[in-house]
């Protein structure tokens, strides 16, 4: 059995510490389990490739978040280029809260957040992960006031979506 290098061990610790953030991002940006797994794998590859170049200019958590978000946004752009327009509209059917989500409130929230614009998704994931407004602002290059305003608007929008869903 091969012994891990210090770099490999440190990377594994980083991935384990960041798993919640990475999984949350994938859950919001990806539509099915296979897409989530592929996205997570893409993020791991990008983290590994960029690991040695981390300069320490920001916190390691901020770096992981930005790299993960950028990887997911690139995947989304690439998928949009390849998608066939109109196919999704053919297969869409209205679903009720109960039929779509059952008792899984977290999954329901992620599915509702998936409808948001990319920046709003990013803000809400950081908010749910427990980041403070100033930290969210630093990560996303926004002012604290802007973050606060956006979070309030997003909450109102999500509340409307939730209330408008059929029971």
Protein backbone atom coordinates (compact mmCIF):
# COMPACT_ATOMS: atom_id res chain seq x y z
CA UNK A 1 0.00 0.00 0.00
CA UNK A 2 1.38 3.37 -1.06
CA UNK A 3 1.94 5.95 1.68
CA UNK A 4 0.33 9.36 1.07
CA UNK A 5 2.51 12.40 0.61
CA UNK A 6 2.06 15.45 2.85
CA UNK A 7 0.44 17.26 -0.09
CA UNK A 8 -2.08 14.46 -0.63
CA UNK A 9 -2.93 14.28 3.07
CA UNK A 10 -3.42 18.06 3.30
CA UNK A 11 -5.59 17.98 0.17
CA UNK A 12 -7.77 15.20 1.58
CA UNK A 13 -8.25 17.21 4.80
CA UNK A 14 -9.20 20.27 2.75
CA UNK A 15 -11.76 18.31 0.73
CA UNK A 16 -13.25 16.77 3.87
CA UNK A 17 -13.51 20.17 5.57
CA UNK A 18 -15.11 21.71 2.46
CA UNK A 19 -17.47 18.84 1.65
CA UNK A 20 -20.58 20.63 2.95
CA UNK A 21 -20.02 23.71 0.81
CA UNK A 22 -19.15 21.69 -2.29
CA UNK A 23 -22.16 19.41 -1.85
CA UNK A 24 -24.48 22.38 -1.31
CA UNK A 25 -23.24 24.07 -4.47
CA UNK A 26 -23.68 20.88 -6.48
CA UNK A 27 -27.17 20.32 -5.06
CA UNK A 28 -28.31 23.76 -6.17
CA UNK A 29 -26.60 23.89 -9.55
CA UNK A 30 -27.23 20.31 -10.69
CA UNK A 31 -30.53 18.70 -11.57
CA UNK A 32 -29.97 14.99 -10.95
CA UNK A 33 -27.73 12.68 -8.93
CA UNK A 34 -25.47 11.81 -11.88
CA UNK A 35 -24.96 15.47 -12.75
CA UNK A 36 -24.15 16.20 -9.09
CA UNK A 37 -21.56 13.43 -9.00
CA UNK A 38 -19.99 14.62 -12.26
CA UNK A 39 -19.92 18.22 -11.03
CA UNK A 40 -18.35 17.19 -7.72
CA UNK A 41 -15.72 15.23 -9.62
CA UNK A 42 -14.98 18.26 -11.84
CA UNK A 43 -14.57 20.40 -8.72
CA UNK A 44 -12.18 17.87 -7.15
CA UNK A 45 -10.08 17.82 -10.32
CA UNK A 46 -9.93 21.63 -10.41
CA UNK A 47 -9.07 21.79 -6.70
CA UNK A 48 -6.26 19.27 -7.15
CA UNK A 49 -4.86 21.02 -10.24
CA UNK A 50 -4.92 24.42 -8.51
CA UNK A 51 -3.94 23.28 -5.01
CA UNK A 52 -0.23 24.11 -5.26
CA UNK A 53 -0.96 27.53 -6.74
CA UNK A 54 -3.07 28.67 -3.76
CA UNK A 55 -1.32 31.85 -2.70
CA UNK A 56 -3.03 32.51 0.62
CA UNK A 57 -4.34 35.92 -0.53
CA UNK A 58 -7.76 34.84 0.78
CA UNK A 59 -8.83 32.19 3.24
CA UNK A 60 -8.69 28.60 2.03
CA UNK A 61 -12.50 28.37 2.41
CA UNK A 62 -12.99 31.42 0.19
CA UNK A 63 -10.63 29.96 -2.40
CA UNK A 64 -12.45 26.59 -2.39
CA UNK A 65 -15.81 28.29 -2.71
CA UNK A 66 -14.75 30.53 -5.59
CA UNK A 67 -13.06 27.70 -7.46
CA UNK A 68 -16.09 25.43 -6.94
CA UNK A 69 -18.55 28.11 -8.02
CA UNK A 70 -16.50 29.00 -11.11
CA UNK A 71 -16.26 25.31 -12.05
CA UNK A 72 -20.04 24.93 -11.79
CA UNK A 73 -20.71 28.11 -13.74
CA UNK A 74 -18.37 26.93 -16.51
CA UNK A 75 -20.16 23.55 -16.59
CA UNK A 76 -23.49 25.34 -16.87
CA UNK A 77 -22.28 27.52 -19.76
CA UNK A 78 -20.84 24.48 -21.54
CA UNK A 79 -24.07 22.51 -21.07
CA UNK A 80 -26.18 25.38 -22.35
CA UNK A 81 -24.12 25.46 -25.53
CA UNK A 82 -24.83 21.75 -26.07
CA UNK A 83 -28.47 21.60 -25.00
CA UNK A 84 -31.29 21.22 -27.46
CA UNK A 85 -33.76 24.04 -26.97
CA UNK A 86 -37.37 23.11 -26.48
CA UNK A 87 -36.79 19.58 -25.18
CA UNK A 88 -37.21 20.62 -21.55
CA UNK A 89 -40.54 22.34 -22.26
CA UNK A 90 -41.96 19.15 -23.79
CA UNK A 91 -41.24 17.10 -20.67
CA UNK A 92 -42.25 19.69 -18.05
CA UNK A 93 -45.29 18.86 -15.95
CA UNK A 94 -46.61 20.76 -12.94
CA UNK A 95 -45.84 18.89 -9.73
CA UNK A 96 -47.18 19.38 -6.26
CA UNK A 97 -45.02 19.97 -3.20
CA UNK A 98 -45.91 16.59 -1.80
CA UNK A 99 -45.25 14.70 -5.04
CA UNK A 100 -41.96 16.44 -5.72
CA UNK A 101 -40.42 16.74 -2.29
CA UNK A 102 -42.15 14.55 0.24
CA UNK A 103 -40.72 15.26 3.67
CA UNK A 104 -37.32 16.43 2.51
CA UNK A 105 -37.35 20.17 3.26
CA UNK A 106 -33.70 20.64 2.36
CA UNK A 107 -34.19 19.15 -1.09
CA UNK A 108 -37.23 21.35 -1.58
CA UNK A 109 -35.17 24.42 -0.69
CA UNK A 110 -32.38 23.40 -3.08
CA UNK A 111 -34.89 22.84 -5.88
CA UNK A 112 -36.43 26.26 -5.25
CA UNK A 113 -32.97 27.84 -5.15
CA UNK A 114 -32.10 26.17 -8.45
CA UNK A 115 -34.54 28.58 -10.09
CA UNK A 116 -32.51 31.60 -8.93
CA UNK A 117 -29.88 33.44 -10.96
CA UNK A 118 -26.30 32.24 -10.41
CA UNK A 119 -25.26 35.15 -8.15
CA UNK A 120 -28.38 34.72 -6.00
CA UNK A 121 -27.69 30.98 -5.72
CA UNK A 122 -24.13 31.71 -4.64
CA UNK A 123 -25.27 34.21 -2.02
CA UNK A 124 -27.86 31.87 -0.55
CA UNK A 125 -25.50 28.89 -0.39
CA UNK A 126 -22.98 30.95 1.54
CA UNK A 127 -25.75 32.28 3.78
CA UNK A 128 -27.04 28.77 4.49
CA UNK A 129 -23.49 27.58 5.15
CA UNK A 130 -23.29 30.19 7.92
CA UNK A 131 -21.06 32.83 6.35
CA UNK A 132 -21.51 36.38 7.66
CA UNK A 133 -22.66 39.12 5.31
CA UNK A 134 -19.20 40.72 5.17
CA UNK A 135 -17.62 37.33 4.36
CA UNK A 136 -20.15 36.73 1.58
CA UNK A 137 -19.36 40.20 0.26
CA UNK A 138 -15.62 39.49 0.30
CA UNK A 139 -16.05 36.18 -1.52
CA UNK A 140 -18.38 37.56 -4.18
CA UNK A 141 -16.92 41.08 -4.40
CA UNK A 142 -20.08 42.77 -3.10
CA UNK A 143 -20.64 45.31 -0.34
CA UNK A 144 -22.10 44.09 2.93
CA UNK A 145 -25.14 46.31 2.35
CA UNK A 146 -25.64 44.83 -1.11
CA UNK A 147 -25.44 41.29 0.33
CA UNK A 148 -28.00 42.16 3.01
CA UNK A 149 -30.40 43.64 0.46
CA UNK A 150 -30.03 40.72 -1.92
CA UNK A 151 -30.61 38.17 0.85
CA UNK A 152 -33.80 39.92 1.92
CA UNK A 153 -35.08 40.04 -1.68
CA UNK A 154 -34.16 36.41 -2.29
CA UNK A 155 -35.95 35.30 0.88
CA UNK A 156 -39.08 37.14 -0.22
CA UNK A 157 -38.86 35.58 -3.69
CA UNK A 158 -38.40 32.08 -2.26
CA UNK A 159 -41.31 32.63 0.12
CA UNK A 160 -43.54 33.59 -2.83
CA UNK A 161 -42.41 30.52 -4.77
CA UNK A 162 -43.14 28.30 -1.78
CA UNK A 163 -46.59 29.80 -1.20
CA UNK A 164 -47.51 29.58 -4.89
CA UNK A 165 -46.74 25.86 -5.11
CA UNK A 166 -49.71 23.51 -5.16
CA UNK A 167 -50.34 21.46 -2.05
